[in-house]
Amino acid sequence: MKSKKIKYFMDLLNKNVTNLSFEEAFERLNKVVELIEGGDVSLDESIKYYEIGILLKNHCEEKLKNAETKIKKVVDNKIKNIDE
């Protein structure tokens, strides 16, 4: 079981996380946190998971920032249309 988890996340390291949706990235980030907090991984594996976690966290933050920008544009546009 442990080796399957390691392979899963090592495969993730070789993939471009920018292709993941927010939900996919967030789910994987939560799995990484569970693995690290579980304490069943070596120090080297923990470091690799941490690196993956940072990539996923940054990706999620970027997705949220983009969503916020889009929502702000919609709200600003509606307010502008009301004022006209």
N, C-alpha and C. Protein backbone atom coordinates (compact mmCIF):
# COMPACT_ATOMS: atom_id res chain seq x y z
N MET A 1 0.83 -1.20 0.00
CA MET A 1 0.00 0.00 0.00
C MET A 1 0.87 1.25 0.00
N LYS A 2 1.86 1.27 0.87
CA LYS A 2 2.73 2.43 0.98
C LYS A 2 3.44 2.71 -0.33
N SER A 3 3.92 1.68 -1.01
CA SER A 3 4.64 1.89 -2.26
C SER A 3 3.73 2.43 -3.36
N LYS A 4 2.45 2.07 -3.33
CA LYS A 4 1.50 2.61 -4.32
C LYS A 4 1.32 4.11 -4.11
N LYS A 5 1.24 4.52 -2.84
CA LYS A 5 1.09 5.95 -2.54
C LYS A 5 2.32 6.71 -3.01
N ILE A 6 3.47 6.14 -2.75
CA ILE A 6 4.71 6.81 -3.15
C ILE A 6 4.76 6.93 -4.66
N LYS A 7 4.43 5.87 -5.37
CA LYS A 7 4.45 5.90 -6.83
C LYS A 7 3.45 6.94 -7.35
N TYR A 8 2.27 6.99 -6.75
CA TYR A 8 1.24 7.95 -7.15
C TYR A 8 1.78 9.38 -7.08
N PHE A 9 2.41 9.71 -5.97
CA PHE A 9 2.90 11.07 -5.80
C PHE A 9 4.19 11.33 -6.57
N MET A 10 4.98 10.32 -6.79
CA MET A 10 6.16 10.50 -7.62
C MET A 10 5.74 10.75 -9.07
N ASP A 11 4.68 10.07 -9.50
CA ASP A 11 4.14 10.33 -10.83
C ASP A 11 3.65 11.77 -10.92
N LEU A 12 3.04 12.24 -9.84
CA LEU A 12 2.55 13.62 -9.81
C LEU A 12 3.69 14.61 -9.97
N LEU A 13 4.82 14.32 -9.37
CA LEU A 13 5.97 15.22 -9.50
C LEU A 13 6.39 15.37 -10.94
N ASN A 14 6.23 14.31 -11.72
CA ASN A 14 6.63 14.34 -13.13
C ASN A 14 5.58 14.98 -14.02
N LYS A 15 4.43 15.33 -13.48
CA LYS A 15 3.37 15.94 -14.26
C LYS A 15 3.30 17.43 -13.98
N ASN A 16 2.75 18.14 -14.92
CA ASN A 16 2.58 19.57 -14.77
C ASN A 16 1.31 19.84 -13.98
N VAL A 17 1.43 20.37 -12.78
CA VAL A 17 0.26 20.60 -11.94
C VAL A 17 -0.66 21.67 -12.50
N THR A 18 -0.19 22.47 -13.42
CA THR A 18 -1.04 23.52 -13.98
C THR A 18 -2.21 22.95 -14.77
N ASN A 19 -2.15 21.68 -15.12
CA ASN A 19 -3.26 21.05 -15.85
C ASN A 19 -4.36 20.57 -14.91
N LEU A 20 -4.12 20.63 -13.61
CA LEU A 20 -5.11 20.17 -12.64
C LEU A 20 -6.14 21.26 -12.36
N SER A 21 -7.39 20.84 -12.15
CA SER A 21 -8.40 21.79 -11.69
C SER A 21 -8.10 22.14 -10.24
N PHE A 22 -8.77 23.17 -9.73
CA PHE A 22 -8.60 23.52 -8.33
C PHE A 22 -8.96 22.34 -7.43
N GLU A 23 -10.10 21.71 -7.75
CA GLU A 23 -10.57 20.60 -6.92
C GLU A 23 -9.60 19.43 -6.91
N GLU A 24 -9.04 19.09 -8.07
CA GLU A 24 -8.06 18.00 -8.15
C GLU A 24 -6.81 18.33 -7.34
N ALA A 25 -6.32 19.55 -7.52
CA ALA A 25 -5.11 19.95 -6.80
C ALA A 25 -5.35 20.00 -5.30
N PHE A 26 -6.50 20.50 -4.88
CA PHE A 26 -6.81 20.60 -3.46
C PHE A 26 -6.94 19.22 -2.83
N GLU A 27 -7.57 18.30 -3.55
CA GLU A 27 -7.71 16.92 -3.05
C GLU A 27 -6.33 16.28 -2.89
N ARG A 28 -5.47 16.46 -3.87
CA ARG A 28 -4.12 15.89 -3.80
C ARG A 28 -3.31 16.54 -2.68
N LEU A 29 -3.49 17.84 -2.51
CA LEU A 29 -2.80 18.54 -1.42
C LEU A 29 -3.22 17.97 -0.07
N ASN A 30 -4.50 17.72 0.10
CA ASN A 30 -4.97 17.12 1.35
C ASN A 30 -4.39 15.73 1.56
N LYS A 31 -4.23 14.96 0.50
CA LYS A 31 -3.63 13.63 0.62
C LYS A 31 -2.16 13.73 1.02
N VAL A 32 -1.47 14.71 0.47
CA VAL A 32 -0.07 14.92 0.82
C VAL A 32 0.04 15.26 2.31
N VAL A 33 -0.82 16.14 2.78
CA VAL A 33 -0.81 16.52 4.20
C VAL A 33 -1.06 15.29 5.07
N GLU A 34 -2.04 14.47 4.69
CA GLU A 34 -2.34 13.26 5.46
C GLU A 34 -1.12 12.34 5.52
N LEU A 35 -0.43 12.18 4.40
CA LEU A 35 0.75 11.31 4.37
C LEU A 35 1.84 11.82 5.28
N ILE A 36 2.10 13.11 5.21
CA ILE A 36 3.18 13.69 6.04
C ILE A 36 2.80 13.61 7.51
N GLU A 37 1.55 13.97 7.82
CA GLU A 37 1.13 13.96 9.22
C GLU A 37 1.00 12.54 9.77
N GLY A 38 0.80 11.56 8.88
CA GLY A 38 0.67 10.18 9.31
C GLY A 38 1.95 9.62 9.91
N GLY A 39 3.08 10.18 9.52
CA GLY A 39 4.35 9.78 10.09
C GLY A 39 4.89 8.44 9.60
N ASP A 40 4.26 7.87 8.58
CA ASP A 40 4.69 6.57 8.08
C ASP A 40 5.65 6.69 6.89
N VAL A 41 6.22 7.85 6.70
CA VAL A 41 7.13 8.05 5.57
C VAL A 41 8.49 8.48 6.10
N SER A 42 9.50 8.17 5.31
CA SER A 42 10.86 8.54 5.71
C SER A 42 11.06 10.04 5.57
N LEU A 43 12.16 10.51 6.08
CA LEU A 43 12.49 11.94 5.95
C LEU A 43 12.60 12.34 4.49
N ASP A 44 13.29 11.53 3.68
CA ASP A 44 13.43 11.85 2.25
C ASP A 44 12.09 11.89 1.55
N GLU A 45 11.22 10.94 1.88
CA GLU A 45 9.89 10.93 1.28
C GLU A 45 9.09 12.14 1.74
N SER A 46 9.22 12.50 3.00
CA SER A 46 8.52 13.67 3.53
C SER A 46 8.94 14.93 2.78
N ILE A 47 10.21 15.04 2.49
CA ILE A 47 10.70 16.21 1.76
C ILE A 47 10.11 16.24 0.35
N LYS A 48 10.07 15.08 -0.30
CA LYS A 48 9.48 15.02 -1.64
C LYS A 48 8.00 15.39 -1.59
N TYR A 49 7.28 14.87 -0.60
CA TYR A 49 5.86 15.21 -0.45
C TYR A 49 5.68 16.69 -0.16
N TYR A 50 6.57 17.24 0.64
CA TYR A 50 6.51 18.67 0.95
C TYR A 50 6.67 19.50 -0.32
N GLU A 51 7.62 19.10 -1.17
CA GLU A 51 7.83 19.80 -2.45
C GLU A 51 6.58 19.74 -3.31
N ILE A 52 5.96 18.56 -3.36
CA ILE A 52 4.72 18.41 -4.12
C ILE A 52 3.63 19.29 -3.51
N GLY A 53 3.56 19.29 -2.19
CA GLY A 53 2.57 20.10 -1.50
C GLY A 53 2.70 21.58 -1.81
N ILE A 54 3.92 22.06 -1.86
CA ILE A 54 4.14 23.48 -2.19
C ILE A 54 3.67 23.78 -3.61
N LEU A 55 3.98 22.89 -4.56
CA LEU A 55 3.51 23.08 -5.94
C LEU A 55 1.98 23.12 -5.98
N LEU A 56 1.36 22.20 -5.28
CA LEU A 56 -0.10 22.15 -5.27
C LEU A 56 -0.71 23.36 -4.58
N LYS A 57 -0.11 23.78 -3.47
CA LYS A 57 -0.60 24.97 -2.74
C LYS A 57 -0.53 26.21 -3.62
N ASN A 58 0.60 26.38 -4.29
CA ASN A 58 0.76 27.54 -5.17
C ASN A 58 -0.24 27.51 -6.31
N HIS A 59 -0.48 26.33 -6.85
CA HIS A 59 -1.46 26.18 -7.94
C HIS A 59 -2.85 26.54 -7.45
N CYS A 60 -3.23 26.06 -6.27
CA CYS A 60 -4.54 26.37 -5.71
C CYS A 60 -4.69 27.87 -5.45
N GLU A 61 -3.66 28.48 -4.92
CA GLU A 61 -3.71 29.93 -4.67
C GLU A 61 -3.88 30.70 -5.96
N GLU A 62 -3.21 30.29 -7.01
CA GLU A 62 -3.32 30.95 -8.31
C GLU A 62 -4.73 30.80 -8.87
N LYS A 63 -5.30 29.61 -8.75
CA LYS A 63 -6.67 29.38 -9.22
C LYS A 63 -7.65 30.27 -8.45
N LEU A 64 -7.48 30.36 -7.14
CA LEU A 64 -8.36 31.21 -6.33
C LEU A 64 -8.20 32.68 -6.68
N LYS A 65 -6.98 33.10 -6.93
CA LYS A 65 -6.72 34.50 -7.31
C LYS A 65 -7.40 34.82 -8.64
N ASN A 66 -7.30 33.90 -9.59
CA ASN A 66 -7.95 34.10 -10.89
C ASN A 66 -9.47 34.16 -10.75
N ALA A 67 -10.02 33.29 -9.91
CA ALA A 67 -11.47 33.29 -9.70
C ALA A 67 -11.91 34.61 -9.05
N GLU A 68 -11.14 35.07 -8.09
CA GLU A 68 -11.47 36.34 -7.42
C GLU A 68 -11.45 37.49 -8.43
N THR A 69 -10.47 37.50 -9.30
CA THR A 69 -10.36 38.55 -10.32
C THR A 69 -11.57 38.52 -11.25
N LYS A 70 -11.98 37.33 -11.67
CA LYS A 70 -13.14 37.21 -12.55
C LYS A 70 -14.41 37.68 -11.86
N ILE A 71 -14.58 37.30 -10.61
CA ILE A 71 -15.77 37.71 -9.86
C ILE A 71 -15.78 39.22 -9.68
N LYS A 72 -14.63 39.79 -9.38
CA LYS A 72 -14.55 41.25 -9.20
C LYS A 72 -14.93 41.97 -10.49
N LYS A 73 -14.48 41.45 -11.63
CA LYS A 73 -14.83 42.06 -12.92
C LYS A 73 -16.33 42.01 -13.16
N VAL A 74 -16.95 40.89 -12.84
CA VAL A 74 -18.40 40.75 -13.02
C VAL A 74 -19.14 41.72 -12.12
N VAL A 75 -18.74 41.79 -10.84
CA VAL A 75 -19.40 42.68 -9.90
C VAL A 75 -19.19 44.13 -10.31
N ASP A 76 -17.98 44.50 -10.68
CA ASP A 76 -17.70 45.87 -11.11
C ASP A 76 -18.51 46.23 -12.35
N ASN A 77 -18.64 45.29 -13.26
CA ASN A 77 -19.40 45.53 -14.48
C ASN A 77 -20.88 45.72 -14.17
N LYS A 78 -21.42 44.95 -13.25
CA LYS A 78 -22.83 45.09 -12.87
C LYS A 78 -23.07 46.43 -12.19
N ILE A 79 -22.16 46.84 -11.32
CA ILE A 79 -22.30 48.13 -10.64
C ILE A 79 -22.23 49.25 -11.66
N LYS A 80 -21.33 49.11 -12.61
CA LYS A 80 -21.19 50.13 -13.67
C LYS A 80 -22.49 50.22 -14.47
N ASN A 81 -23.07 49.08 -14.81
CA ASN A 81 -24.32 49.08 -15.59
C ASN A 81 -25.47 49.67 -14.81
N ILE A 82 -25.50 49.49 -13.52
CA ILE A 82 -26.57 50.06 -12.68
C ILE A 82 -26.44 51.57 -12.64
N ASP A 83 -25.21 52.07 -12.58
CA ASP A 83 -24.98 53.51 -12.50
C ASP A 83 -25.32 54.23 -13.80
N GLU A 84 -25.38 53.51 -14.90
CA GLU A 84 -25.61 54.17 -16.21
C GLU A 84 -27.03 54.49 -16.45
